[in-house]
Amino acid sequence: MALTLDEENNGDNNFVSVGLNTNTETVDVSYRLSYDSDVRIEIYDMTGALVEMIHQSNAVEGQLYDFAINPTKFTTGVYIYQFITDTERHIDKLHFIY
């Protein structure tokens, strides 16, 4: 399996990172915000249909959030993920190749 994606990084205290962990074959997600906010991370297929909401929480300013998702529930293809806060929305592609 291979995963390619782009990463959004807005400085030391505000970032979103998504990447393949080849040791565990999971997709590691981490983020930190410079403000308190509700957060959702959603994955959509290329038709725009919601495949899964993989994370929902109330993020606290400056706290690091770190978790892994199992990519085996997704078939080979291109997906869109959205990282959504009260004031921002980051949209990027995930490519799963098995």
C-alpha atoms as a PDB file:
ATOM      1  CA  MET A   1       0.000   0.000   0.000  1.00  0.00           C
ATOM      2  CA  ALA A   2       1.169   3.532  -0.689  1.00  0.00           C
ATOM      3  CA  LEU A   3      -0.252   6.844   0.403  1.00  0.00           C
ATOM      4  CA  THR A   4       0.506  10.229  -1.034  1.00  0.00           C
ATOM      5  CA  LEU A   5      -0.903  13.550   0.073  1.00  0.00           C
ATOM      6  CA  ASP A   6      -0.178  17.177   0.602  1.00  0.00           C
ATOM      7  CA  GLU A   7       0.356  18.672   4.043  1.00  0.00           C
ATOM      8  CA  GLU A   8      -0.875  21.975   5.447  1.00  0.00           C
ATOM      9  CA  ASN A   9       1.507  23.631   7.914  1.00  0.00           C
ATOM     10  CA  ASN A  10       0.773  27.118   9.224  1.00  0.00           C
ATOM     11  CA  GLY A  11       3.646  27.589  11.661  1.00  0.00           C
ATOM     12  CA  ASP A  12       4.743  26.096  14.949  1.00  0.00           C
ATOM     13  CA  ASN A  13       1.469  26.407  16.846  1.00  0.00           C
ATOM     14  CA  ASN A  14      -1.117  25.767  14.117  1.00  0.00           C
ATOM     15  CA  PHE A  15      -0.765  22.716  11.864  1.00  0.00           C
ATOM     16  CA  VAL A  16      -2.415  19.652  10.351  1.00  0.00           C
ATOM     17  CA  SER A  17      -0.327  16.636   9.362  1.00  0.00           C
ATOM     18  CA  VAL A  18      -1.517  13.423   7.695  1.00  0.00           C
ATOM     19  CA  GLY A  19       0.915  10.695   6.672  1.00  0.00           C
ATOM     20  CA  LEU A  20       1.489   6.972   6.256  1.00  0.00           C
ATOM     21  CA  ASN A  21       3.273   5.173   9.100  1.00  0.00           C
ATOM     22  CA  THR A  22       5.046   2.323   7.271  1.00  0.00           C
ATOM     23  CA  ASN A  23       5.871   0.523  10.541  1.00  0.00           C
ATOM     24  CA  THR A  24       2.216   0.083  11.541  1.00  0.00           C
ATOM     25  CA  GLU A  25       0.603   0.546   8.088  1.00  0.00           C
ATOM     26  CA  THR A  26      -1.746   3.140   9.543  1.00  0.00           C
ATOM     27  CA  VAL A  27      -2.405   6.713   8.545  1.00  0.00           C
ATOM     28  CA  ASP A  28      -1.190   9.013  11.313  1.00  0.00           C
ATOM     29  CA  VAL A  29      -3.072  12.256  11.835  1.00  0.00           C
ATOM     30  CA  SER A  30      -1.920  15.042  14.127  1.00  0.00           C
ATOM     31  CA  TYR A  31      -2.904  18.653  14.575  1.00  0.00           C
ATOM     32  CA  ARG A  32      -2.585  21.621  16.888  1.00  0.00           C
ATOM     33  CA  LEU A  33      -4.577  24.845  16.807  1.00  0.00           C
ATOM     34  CA  SER A  34      -3.748  28.322  18.088  1.00  0.00           C
ATOM     35  CA  TYR A  35      -7.356  28.711  19.293  1.00  0.00           C
ATOM     36  CA  ASP A  36     -10.129  26.638  20.927  1.00  0.00           C
ATOM     37  CA  SER A  37     -12.492  25.107  18.372  1.00  0.00           C
ATOM     38  CA  ASP A  38     -14.734  22.202  17.482  1.00  0.00           C
ATOM     39  CA  VAL A  39     -12.904  19.993  14.971  1.00  0.00           C
ATOM     40  CA  ARG A  40     -14.109  17.437  12.425  1.00  0.00           C
ATOM     41  CA  ILE A  41     -12.074  15.396   9.974  1.00  0.00           C
ATOM     42  CA  GLU A  42     -14.107  13.847   7.176  1.00  0.00           C
ATOM     43  CA  ILE A  43     -13.181  11.670   4.197  1.00  0.00           C
ATOM     44  CA  TYR A  44     -15.117  11.897   0.916  1.00  0.00           C
ATOM     45  CA  ASP A  45     -14.874   9.873  -2.266  1.00  0.00           C
ATOM     46  CA  MET A  46     -14.380  11.588  -5.612  1.00  0.00           C
ATOM     47  CA  THR A  47     -18.132  11.783  -6.214  1.00  0.00           C
ATOM     48  CA  GLY A  48     -18.452  13.985  -3.131  1.00  0.00           C
ATOM     49  CA  ALA A  49     -20.115  11.333  -0.965  1.00  0.00           C
ATOM     50  CA  LEU A  50     -19.085  11.242   2.694  1.00  0.00           C
ATOM     51  CA  VAL A  51     -17.218   7.967   3.286  1.00  0.00           C
ATOM     52  CA  GLU A  52     -16.433   8.440   6.962  1.00  0.00           C
ATOM     53  CA  MET A  53     -16.101  11.056   9.686  1.00  0.00           C
ATOM     54  CA  ILE A  54     -12.825   9.879  11.202  1.00  0.00           C
ATOM     55  CA  HIS A  55     -12.549  12.391  14.035  1.00  0.00           C
ATOM     56  CA  GLN A  56     -14.667  14.848  15.988  1.00  0.00           C
ATOM     57  CA  SER A  57     -13.581  16.732  19.111  1.00  0.00           C
ATOM     58  CA  ASN A  58     -13.421  20.045  20.915  1.00  0.00           C
ATOM     59  CA  ALA A  59      -9.783  21.083  20.508  1.00  0.00           C
ATOM     60  CA  VAL A  60      -8.064  23.182  23.167  1.00  0.00           C
ATOM     61  CA  GLU A  61      -5.618  25.897  22.110  1.00  0.00           C
ATOM     62  CA  GLY A  62      -2.016  24.670  21.909  1.00  0.00           C
ATOM     63  CA  GLN A  63      -2.758  21.005  22.669  1.00  0.00           C
ATOM     64  CA  LEU A  64      -1.349  18.366  20.313  1.00  0.00           C
ATOM     65  CA  TYR A  65      -3.872  15.824  19.028  1.00  0.00           C
ATOM     66  CA  ASP A  66      -2.479  12.613  17.578  1.00  0.00           C
ATOM     67  CA  PHE A  67      -4.265   9.465  16.363  1.00  0.00           C
ATOM     68  CA  ALA A  68      -4.096   6.742  13.719  1.00  0.00           C
ATOM     69  CA  ILE A  69      -6.664   5.412  11.284  1.00  0.00           C
ATOM     70  CA  ASN A  70      -6.701   2.009   9.649  1.00  0.00           C
ATOM     71  CA  PRO A  71      -6.658   2.525   5.869  1.00  0.00           C
ATOM     72  CA  THR A  72      -7.767  -1.022   4.994  1.00  0.00           C
ATOM     73  CA  LYS A  73     -11.431   0.026   5.094  1.00  0.00           C
ATOM     74  CA  PHE A  74     -10.785   2.221   2.029  1.00  0.00           C
ATOM     75  CA  THR A  75     -10.431   0.770  -1.453  1.00  0.00           C
ATOM     76  CA  THR A  76      -7.687   1.824  -3.842  1.00  0.00           C
ATOM     77  CA  GLY A  77      -8.366   5.296  -5.149  1.00  0.00           C
ATOM     78  CA  VAL A  78      -8.326   9.005  -4.539  1.00  0.00           C
ATOM     79  CA  TYR A  79     -10.192  10.504  -1.598  1.00  0.00           C
ATOM     80  CA  ILE A  80     -10.649  14.020  -0.271  1.00  0.00           C
ATOM     81  CA  TYR A  81     -10.218  14.826   3.389  1.00  0.00           C
ATOM     82  CA  GLN A  82     -11.552  17.930   5.082  1.00  0.00           C
ATOM     83  CA  PHE A  83     -10.176  19.296   8.331  1.00  0.00           C
ATOM     84  CA  ILE A  84     -12.917  21.603   9.626  1.00  0.00           C
ATOM     85  CA  THR A  85     -12.787  24.034  12.558  1.00  0.00           C
ATOM     86  CA  ASP A  86     -15.102  26.844  13.655  1.00  0.00           C
ATOM     87  CA  THR A  87     -13.207  29.312  11.437  1.00  0.00           C
ATOM     88  CA  GLU A  88     -11.210  27.255   8.905  1.00  0.00           C
ATOM     89  CA  ARG A  89     -11.525  24.435   6.419  1.00  0.00           C
ATOM     90  CA  HIS A  90      -8.521  22.606   4.938  1.00  0.00           C
ATOM     91  CA  ILE A  91      -9.200  20.318   1.989  1.00  0.00           C
ATOM     92  CA  ASP A  92      -6.678  17.950   0.468  1.00  0.00           C
ATOM     93  CA  LYS A  93      -6.323  14.635  -1.370  1.00  0.00           C
ATOM     94  CA  LEU A  94      -5.447  11.165  -0.093  1.00  0.00           C
ATOM     95  CA  HIS A  95      -4.267   8.526  -2.582  1.00  0.00           C
ATOM     96  CA  PHE A  96      -4.550   4.907  -1.449  1.00  0.00           C
ATOM     97  CA  ILE A  97      -2.738   2.379  -3.670  1.00  0.00           C
ATOM     98  CA  TYR A  98      -2.712  -1.297  -2.689  1.00  0.00           C
END
